[in-house]
Amino acid sequence: MTKKTLKTTGKIKKAEMPVKTTAVQQMDLHQAFNLTDVSHETLASYAFYLKEMVNSAGWKLMVQVLEGNLALLEKQIVRKKEVLTDRPLTESEADSLRDQHEILTELINKPHQLIKKYGAPEQARPVVEYDPYGGNRKTINASTMSDMT
């Protein structure tokens, strides 16, 4: 079940018309998500929740654990030996480890892919006037500047 509330994009002063409003979809998080609803609003809401998840300490801990598992899998695949027992791996066991590595990598990257696909586009960084030598002025986008620029 979803509710919609109106959110103003500016201040309302007494005796003025309301400022332009936008609909914000709020979802009841105590119920299961309706994954058959593929409307733009719903997908944008899901992307919002994924952004919140990715920024949480719990997800960062989960990524650390998964990356540790990836490192262990990589070590076993390269050495073609089991880490704990040093038993040589068969080719089918190595293939199974490669499959597990691919699945874990996809699991780590999936939230970011979904956010990029369904989330609201990010606002462009502001253009910064950069002229260290006072000569010919150039306009450089701050997102493309490096420490060496």
N, C-alpha and C. Protein backbone atom coordinates (compact mmCIF):
# COMPACT_ATOMS: atom_id res chain seq x y z
N MET A 1 0.84 -1.17 0.00
CA MET A 1 0.00 0.00 0.00
C MET A 1 0.89 1.24 0.00
N THR A 2 0.62 2.16 -0.89
CA THR A 2 1.44 3.36 -0.98
C THR A 2 0.60 4.58 -0.67
N LYS A 3 1.23 5.59 -0.13
CA LYS A 3 0.59 6.86 0.15
C LYS A 3 1.34 7.93 -0.61
N LYS A 4 0.66 8.98 -0.96
CA LYS A 4 1.33 10.10 -1.61
C LYS A 4 1.11 11.33 -0.76
N THR A 5 2.17 12.06 -0.54
CA THR A 5 2.08 13.33 0.17
C THR A 5 2.65 14.40 -0.73
N LEU A 6 2.28 15.61 -0.45
CA LEU A 6 2.78 16.72 -1.25
C LEU A 6 3.91 17.40 -0.49
N LYS A 7 4.95 17.72 -1.21
CA LYS A 7 6.11 18.37 -0.64
C LYS A 7 6.35 19.65 -1.41
N THR A 8 6.46 20.76 -0.70
CA THR A 8 6.67 22.04 -1.39
C THR A 8 8.14 22.21 -1.70
N THR A 9 8.42 22.95 -2.75
CA THR A 9 9.81 23.20 -3.13
C THR A 9 10.25 24.60 -2.74
N GLY A 10 9.49 25.29 -1.92
CA GLY A 10 9.86 26.62 -1.48
C GLY A 10 9.04 27.01 -0.27
N LYS A 11 9.27 28.21 0.26
CA LYS A 11 8.53 28.68 1.42
C LYS A 11 7.21 29.31 0.98
N ILE A 12 6.20 29.12 1.80
CA ILE A 12 4.90 29.72 1.53
C ILE A 12 4.72 30.87 2.51
N LYS A 13 4.49 32.06 1.97
CA LYS A 13 4.25 33.23 2.82
C LYS A 13 2.75 33.48 2.90
N LYS A 14 2.36 34.15 3.94
CA LYS A 14 0.95 34.45 4.16
C LYS A 14 0.39 35.24 2.98
N ALA A 15 -0.80 34.88 2.54
CA ALA A 15 -1.54 35.54 1.46
C ALA A 15 -0.88 35.36 0.09
N GLU A 16 -0.05 34.34 -0.07
CA GLU A 16 0.53 34.03 -1.37
C GLU A 16 0.01 32.69 -1.84
N MET A 17 0.10 32.49 -3.13
CA MET A 17 -0.26 31.19 -3.70
C MET A 17 0.82 30.20 -3.32
N PRO A 18 0.46 28.94 -3.14
CA PRO A 18 1.47 27.94 -2.81
C PRO A 18 2.50 27.80 -3.92
N VAL A 19 3.72 27.48 -3.52
CA VAL A 19 4.80 27.24 -4.45
C VAL A 19 4.55 25.90 -5.12
N LYS A 20 5.16 25.68 -6.27
CA LYS A 20 4.99 24.43 -7.01
C LYS A 20 5.24 23.23 -6.10
N THR A 21 4.35 22.25 -6.14
CA THR A 21 4.49 21.06 -5.30
C THR A 21 4.76 19.85 -6.17
N THR A 22 5.43 18.86 -5.58
CA THR A 22 5.71 17.62 -6.28
C THR A 22 5.20 16.47 -5.44
N ALA A 23 4.78 15.40 -6.08
CA ALA A 23 4.30 14.23 -5.36
C ALA A 23 5.48 13.37 -4.93
N VAL A 24 5.48 12.98 -3.67
CA VAL A 24 6.51 12.11 -3.13
C VAL A 24 5.82 10.83 -2.70
N GLN A 25 6.28 9.71 -3.22
CA GLN A 25 5.64 8.45 -2.90
C GLN A 25 6.27 7.85 -1.65
N GLN A 26 5.42 7.56 -0.66
CA GLN A 26 5.88 6.91 0.55
C GLN A 26 5.31 5.50 0.56
N MET A 27 6.13 4.55 0.94
CA MET A 27 5.70 3.16 0.92
C MET A 27 5.63 2.63 2.34
N ASP A 28 4.69 1.73 2.55
CA ASP A 28 4.58 1.06 3.84
C ASP A 28 5.63 -0.04 3.87
N LEU A 29 6.68 0.16 4.67
CA LEU A 29 7.80 -0.77 4.69
C LEU A 29 7.52 -2.02 5.52
N HIS A 30 6.36 -2.07 6.15
CA HIS A 30 6.01 -3.26 6.94
C HIS A 30 5.38 -4.34 6.07
N GLN A 31 5.06 -4.01 4.84
CA GLN A 31 4.48 -4.98 3.92
C GLN A 31 5.50 -5.30 2.83
N ALA A 32 5.29 -6.41 2.17
CA ALA A 32 6.18 -6.82 1.08
C ALA A 32 6.05 -5.83 -0.08
N PHE A 33 7.15 -5.62 -0.79
CA PHE A 33 7.13 -4.75 -1.96
C PHE A 33 6.37 -5.44 -3.09
N ASN A 34 5.63 -4.65 -3.85
CA ASN A 34 4.91 -5.17 -5.01
C ASN A 34 5.88 -5.09 -6.20
N LEU A 35 6.57 -6.17 -6.47
CA LEU A 35 7.59 -6.18 -7.51
C LEU A 35 7.00 -6.24 -8.91
N THR A 36 5.68 -6.40 -9.02
CA THR A 36 5.05 -6.39 -10.34
C THR A 36 4.74 -4.97 -10.79
N ASP A 37 4.78 -4.01 -9.87
CA ASP A 37 4.53 -2.60 -10.21
C ASP A 37 5.82 -2.01 -10.75
N VAL A 38 5.86 -1.75 -12.05
CA VAL A 38 7.07 -1.22 -12.68
C VAL A 38 6.88 0.23 -13.15
N SER A 39 6.01 0.95 -12.46
CA SER A 39 5.82 2.35 -12.82
C SER A 39 7.07 3.14 -12.47
N HIS A 40 7.24 4.27 -13.13
CA HIS A 40 8.43 5.10 -12.92
C HIS A 40 8.54 5.53 -11.46
N GLU A 41 7.41 5.92 -10.84
CA GLU A 41 7.41 6.36 -9.45
C GLU A 41 7.89 5.25 -8.51
N THR A 42 7.38 4.05 -8.74
CA THR A 42 7.74 2.93 -7.87
C THR A 42 9.21 2.57 -8.02
N LEU A 43 9.70 2.52 -9.25
CA LEU A 43 11.11 2.19 -9.47
C LEU A 43 12.02 3.26 -8.87
N ALA A 44 11.61 4.52 -8.97
CA ALA A 44 12.39 5.60 -8.36
C ALA A 44 12.40 5.46 -6.84
N SER A 45 11.28 5.03 -6.27
CA SER A 45 11.24 4.80 -4.82
C SER A 45 12.17 3.67 -4.42
N TYR A 46 12.17 2.60 -5.20
CA TYR A 46 13.07 1.49 -4.91
C TYR A 46 14.53 1.95 -5.00
N ALA A 47 14.85 2.78 -5.99
CA ALA A 47 16.22 3.30 -6.13
C ALA A 47 16.59 4.14 -4.91
N PHE A 48 15.63 4.90 -4.40
CA PHE A 48 15.87 5.70 -3.20
C PHE A 48 16.22 4.80 -2.03
N TYR A 49 15.47 3.73 -1.82
CA TYR A 49 15.74 2.80 -0.73
C TYR A 49 17.09 2.11 -0.91
N LEU A 50 17.44 1.80 -2.15
CA LEU A 50 18.74 1.19 -2.40
C LEU A 50 19.88 2.16 -2.07
N LYS A 51 19.69 3.46 -2.38
CA LYS A 51 20.71 4.45 -2.02
C LYS A 51 20.89 4.51 -0.52
N GLU A 52 19.76 4.47 0.20
CA GLU A 52 19.83 4.49 1.66
C GLU A 52 20.57 3.25 2.16
N MET A 53 20.30 2.09 1.56
CA MET A 53 20.95 0.86 1.97
C MET A 53 22.45 0.92 1.71
N VAL A 54 22.84 1.37 0.53
CA VAL A 54 24.25 1.41 0.14
C VAL A 54 25.04 2.34 1.06
N ASN A 55 24.40 3.39 1.56
CA ASN A 55 25.09 4.34 2.44
C ASN A 55 25.09 3.91 3.90
N SER A 56 24.43 2.81 4.22
CA SER A 56 24.34 2.37 5.61
C SER A 56 25.61 1.62 6.04
N ALA A 57 25.87 1.63 7.33
CA ALA A 57 27.03 0.93 7.88
C ALA A 57 26.89 -0.58 7.69
N GLY A 58 25.66 -1.09 7.76
CA GLY A 58 25.42 -2.51 7.59
C GLY A 58 25.83 -2.99 6.21
N TRP A 59 25.50 -2.21 5.19
CA TRP A 59 25.87 -2.61 3.82
C TRP A 59 27.39 -2.53 3.65
N LYS A 60 28.01 -1.52 4.22
CA LYS A 60 29.47 -1.39 4.10
C LYS A 60 30.17 -2.56 4.77
N LEU A 61 29.63 -3.01 5.90
CA LEU A 61 30.16 -4.20 6.56
C LEU A 61 29.98 -5.42 5.67
N MET A 62 28.80 -5.54 5.07
CA MET A 62 28.50 -6.66 4.18
C MET A 62 29.46 -6.69 2.99
N VAL A 63 29.74 -5.54 2.42
CA VAL A 63 30.67 -5.46 1.28
C VAL A 63 32.06 -5.89 1.71
N GLN A 64 32.50 -5.48 2.91
CA GLN A 64 33.81 -5.89 3.40
C GLN A 64 33.90 -7.42 3.52
N VAL A 65 32.84 -8.03 4.06
CA VAL A 65 32.83 -9.48 4.22
C VAL A 65 32.85 -10.15 2.85
N LEU A 66 32.02 -9.65 1.92
CA LEU A 66 31.97 -10.25 0.58
C LEU A 66 33.30 -10.08 -0.15
N GLU A 67 33.94 -8.93 0.00
CA GLU A 67 35.24 -8.72 -0.64
C GLU A 67 36.30 -9.65 -0.05
N GLY A 68 36.21 -9.92 1.25
CA GLY A 68 37.11 -10.90 1.86
C GLY A 68 36.89 -12.28 1.27
N ASN A 69 35.62 -12.64 1.06
CA ASN A 69 35.31 -13.92 0.42
C ASN A 69 35.82 -13.97 -1.01
N LEU A 70 35.72 -12.84 -1.72
CA LEU A 70 36.23 -12.78 -3.08
C LEU A 70 37.75 -13.00 -3.10
N ALA A 71 38.45 -12.39 -2.17
CA ALA A 71 39.91 -12.55 -2.10
C ALA A 71 40.27 -14.01 -1.84
N LEU A 72 39.52 -14.67 -0.97
CA LEU A 72 39.78 -16.08 -0.67
C LEU A 72 39.51 -16.95 -1.91
N LEU A 73 38.42 -16.65 -2.61
CA LEU A 73 38.12 -17.40 -3.84
C LEU A 73 39.21 -17.19 -4.88
N GLU A 74 39.66 -15.94 -5.05
CA GLU A 74 40.70 -15.64 -6.03
C GLU A 74 41.99 -16.41 -5.71
N LYS A 75 42.33 -16.45 -4.43
CA LYS A 75 43.53 -17.16 -4.01
C LYS A 75 43.42 -18.65 -4.35
N GLN A 76 42.25 -19.24 -4.10
CA GLN A 76 42.06 -20.66 -4.40
C GLN A 76 42.08 -20.91 -5.90
N ILE A 77 41.48 -20.01 -6.67
CA ILE A 77 41.44 -20.19 -8.13
C ILE A 77 42.84 -20.11 -8.72
N VAL A 78 43.62 -19.13 -8.27
CA VAL A 78 44.97 -18.95 -8.81
C VAL A 78 45.88 -20.10 -8.41
N ARG A 79 45.84 -20.49 -7.14
CA ARG A 79 46.71 -21.57 -6.66
C ARG A 79 46.21 -22.95 -7.08
N LYS A 80 44.91 -23.03 -7.43
CA LYS A 80 44.25 -24.30 -7.75
C LYS A 80 44.40 -25.30 -6.60
N LYS A 81 44.34 -24.74 -5.38
CA LYS A 81 44.37 -25.54 -4.17
C LYS A 81 43.38 -24.97 -3.18
N GLU A 82 42.80 -25.86 -2.37
CA GLU A 82 41.92 -25.43 -1.30
C GLU A 82 42.77 -24.74 -0.24
N VAL A 83 42.32 -23.60 0.29
CA VAL A 83 43.13 -22.81 1.20
C VAL A 83 43.38 -23.54 2.53
N LEU A 84 42.36 -24.14 3.10
CA LEU A 84 42.51 -24.74 4.43
C LEU A 84 43.29 -26.05 4.42
N THR A 85 43.08 -26.87 3.41
CA THR A 85 43.70 -28.21 3.41
C THR A 85 44.83 -28.36 2.41
N ASP A 86 45.03 -27.40 1.53
CA ASP A 86 46.03 -27.47 0.46
C ASP A 86 45.77 -28.63 -0.51
N ARG A 87 44.54 -29.11 -0.51
CA ARG A 87 44.17 -30.18 -1.44
C ARG A 87 44.04 -29.59 -2.83
N PRO A 88 44.61 -30.22 -3.85
CA PRO A 88 44.46 -29.71 -5.23
C PRO A 88 42.99 -29.74 -5.66
N LEU A 89 42.61 -28.71 -6.40
CA LEU A 89 41.23 -28.62 -6.90
C LEU A 89 41.13 -29.25 -8.28
N THR A 90 40.00 -29.91 -8.52
CA THR A 90 39.74 -30.40 -9.87
C THR A 90 39.29 -29.22 -10.73
N GLU A 91 39.28 -29.42 -12.02
CA GLU A 91 38.86 -28.33 -12.93
C GLU A 91 37.41 -27.94 -12.68
N SER A 92 36.55 -28.92 -12.39
CA SER A 92 35.13 -28.60 -12.14
C SER A 92 34.98 -27.82 -10.83
N GLU A 93 35.81 -28.12 -9.82
CA GLU A 93 35.77 -27.36 -8.57
C GLU A 93 36.25 -25.93 -8.80
N ALA A 94 37.29 -25.77 -9.61
CA ALA A 94 37.78 -24.42 -9.93
C ALA A 94 36.72 -23.63 -10.70
N ASP A 95 36.01 -24.30 -11.61
CA ASP A 95 34.93 -23.64 -12.34
C ASP A 95 33.81 -23.21 -11.38
N SER A 96 33.52 -24.06 -10.41
CA SER A 96 32.51 -23.72 -9.42
C SER A 96 32.93 -22.49 -8.60
N LEU A 97 34.20 -22.41 -8.26
CA LEU A 97 34.71 -21.24 -7.53
C LEU A 97 34.63 -19.98 -8.39
N ARG A 98 34.92 -20.12 -9.68
CA ARG A 98 34.79 -18.97 -10.60
C ARG A 98 33.35 -18.49 -10.67
N ASP A 99 32.41 -19.44 -10.70
CA ASP A 99 30.99 -19.07 -10.70
C ASP A 99 30.61 -18.34 -9.41
N GLN A 100 31.08 -18.85 -8.28
CA GLN A 100 30.82 -18.18 -7.00
C GLN A 100 31.40 -16.78 -6.98
N HIS A 101 32.61 -16.62 -7.53
CA HIS A 101 33.25 -15.30 -7.60
C HIS A 101 32.40 -14.33 -8.43
N GLU A 102 31.92 -14.81 -9.55
CA GLU A 102 31.09 -13.97 -10.42
C GLU A 102 29.79 -13.57 -9.72
N ILE A 103 29.18 -14.49 -9.00
CA ILE A 103 27.92 -14.20 -8.29
C ILE A 103 28.15 -13.17 -7.19
N LEU A 104 29.22 -13.33 -6.42
CA LEU A 104 29.51 -12.37 -5.35
C LEU A 104 29.81 -10.98 -5.91
N THR A 105 30.54 -10.92 -7.00
CA THR A 105 30.84 -9.63 -7.64
C THR A 105 29.55 -8.96 -8.11
N GLU A 106 28.67 -9.74 -8.70
CA GLU A 106 27.38 -9.19 -9.16
C GLU A 106 26.54 -8.72 -7.98
N LEU A 107 26.57 -9.47 -6.88
CA LEU A 107 25.82 -9.09 -5.69
C LEU A 107 26.30 -7.74 -5.15
N ILE A 108 27.60 -7.53 -5.12
CA ILE A 108 28.15 -6.27 -4.62
C ILE A 108 27.76 -5.11 -5.54
N ASN A 109 27.78 -5.34 -6.85
CA ASN A 109 27.55 -4.26 -7.81
C ASN A 109 26.08 -4.02 -8.13
N LYS A 110 25.20 -4.97 -7.85
CA LYS A 110 23.80 -4.88 -8.27
C LYS A 110 23.08 -3.63 -7.73
N PRO A 111 23.19 -3.28 -6.43
CA PRO A 111 22.49 -2.07 -5.98
C PRO A 111 22.89 -0.82 -6.76
N HIS A 112 24.19 -0.68 -7.04
CA HIS A 112 24.66 0.49 -7.78
C HIS A 112 24.12 0.50 -9.21
N GLN A 113 24.05 -0.67 -9.83
CA GLN A 113 23.50 -0.77 -11.18
C GLN A 113 22.03 -0.37 -11.20
N LEU A 114 21.27 -0.85 -10.22
CA LEU A 114 19.84 -0.53 -10.17
C LEU A 114 19.60 0.95 -9.87
N ILE A 115 20.42 1.51 -8.99
CA ILE A 115 20.29 2.94 -8.69
C ILE A 115 20.57 3.76 -9.94
N LYS A 116 21.61 3.38 -10.66
CA LYS A 116 21.96 4.10 -11.90
C LYS A 116 20.85 3.97 -12.94
N LYS A 117 20.24 2.79 -13.02
CA LYS A 117 19.23 2.54 -14.03
C LYS A 117 17.90 3.21 -13.70
N TYR A 118 17.47 3.16 -12.43
CA TYR A 118 16.12 3.61 -12.08
C TYR A 118 16.06 4.87 -11.23
N GLY A 119 17.19 5.29 -10.68
CA GLY A 119 17.19 6.46 -9.80
C GLY A 119 17.08 7.75 -10.57
N ALA A 120 16.83 8.81 -9.80
CA ALA A 120 16.78 10.15 -10.39
C ALA A 120 18.19 10.52 -10.84
N PRO A 121 18.31 11.20 -11.97
CA PRO A 121 19.65 11.57 -12.43
C PRO A 121 20.32 12.51 -11.44
N GLU A 122 21.61 12.31 -11.25
CA GLU A 122 22.39 13.13 -10.33
C GLU A 122 22.53 14.54 -10.92
N GLN A 123 22.56 15.51 -10.04
CA GLN A 123 22.77 16.89 -10.48
C GLN A 123 24.24 17.04 -10.88
N ALA A 124 24.48 17.75 -11.96
CA ALA A 124 25.85 17.98 -12.42
C ALA A 124 26.58 18.86 -11.41
N ARG A 125 27.85 18.61 -11.26
CA ARG A 125 28.65 19.44 -10.36
C ARG A 125 28.78 20.84 -10.95
N PRO A 126 28.86 21.84 -10.09
CA PRO A 126 28.97 23.20 -10.62
C PRO A 126 30.30 23.42 -11.32
N VAL A 127 30.27 24.31 -12.30
CA VAL A 127 31.48 24.66 -13.04
C VAL A 127 32.29 25.62 -12.20
N VAL A 128 33.58 25.37 -12.11
CA VAL A 128 34.47 26.17 -11.28
C VAL A 128 35.42 26.94 -12.18
N GLU A 129 35.55 28.23 -11.89
CA GLU A 129 36.53 29.04 -12.61
C GLU A 129 37.89 28.72 -12.00
N TYR A 130 38.81 28.22 -12.82
CA TYR A 130 40.11 27.79 -12.32
C TYR A 130 41.18 28.47 -13.15
N ASP A 131 41.96 29.32 -12.51
CA ASP A 131 43.01 30.05 -13.21
C ASP A 131 44.19 30.23 -12.27
N PRO A 132 45.06 29.21 -12.15
CA PRO A 132 46.14 29.30 -11.17
C PRO A 132 47.22 30.32 -11.53
N TYR A 133 47.36 30.66 -12.80
CA TYR A 133 48.45 31.55 -13.20
C TYR A 133 47.97 32.92 -13.65
N GLY A 134 46.67 33.16 -13.61
CA GLY A 134 46.15 34.48 -13.94
C GLY A 134 46.17 34.81 -15.41
N GLY A 135 46.48 33.88 -16.25
CA GLY A 135 46.56 34.14 -17.68
C GLY A 135 45.23 33.87 -18.37
N ASN A 136 45.28 33.06 -19.38
CA ASN A 136 44.10 32.71 -20.16
C ASN A 136 43.12 31.97 -19.27
N ARG A 137 41.95 32.53 -19.03
CA ARG A 137 40.96 31.92 -18.14
C ARG A 137 40.25 30.78 -18.85
N LYS A 138 40.16 29.65 -18.16
CA LYS A 138 39.46 28.48 -18.68
C LYS A 138 38.36 28.12 -17.70
N THR A 139 37.30 27.56 -18.22
CA THR A 139 36.25 27.03 -17.38
C THR A 139 36.40 25.52 -17.37
N ILE A 140 36.57 24.96 -16.18
CA ILE A 140 36.81 23.53 -16.05
C ILE A 140 35.71 22.94 -15.17
N ASN A 141 35.18 21.82 -15.58
CA ASN A 141 34.18 21.13 -14.78
C ASN A 141 34.89 20.51 -13.59
N ALA A 142 34.39 20.74 -12.38
CA ALA A 142 35.04 20.27 -11.15
C ALA A 142 35.13 18.76 -11.10
N SER A 143 34.23 18.06 -11.74
CA SER A 143 34.26 16.58 -11.68
C SER A 143 35.39 16.00 -12.50
N THR A 144 35.97 16.78 -13.45
CA THR A 144 37.05 16.25 -14.26
C THR A 144 38.42 16.68 -13.75
N MET A 145 38.46 17.53 -12.72
CA MET A 145 39.73 17.99 -12.20
C MET A 145 40.38 16.89 -11.37
N SER A 146 41.66 16.76 -11.48
CA SER A 146 42.40 15.81 -10.65
C SER A 146 43.29 16.59 -9.70
N ASP A 147 43.98 15.88 -8.83
CA ASP A 147 44.91 16.52 -7.91
C ASP A 147 46.09 17.13 -8.66
N MET A 148 46.34 16.63 -9.84
CA MET A 148 47.49 17.09 -10.62
C MET A 148 47.15 18.29 -11.50
N THR A 149 45.88 18.66 -11.61
CA THR A 149 45.47 19.76 -12.49
C THR A 149 45.86 21.07 -11.91
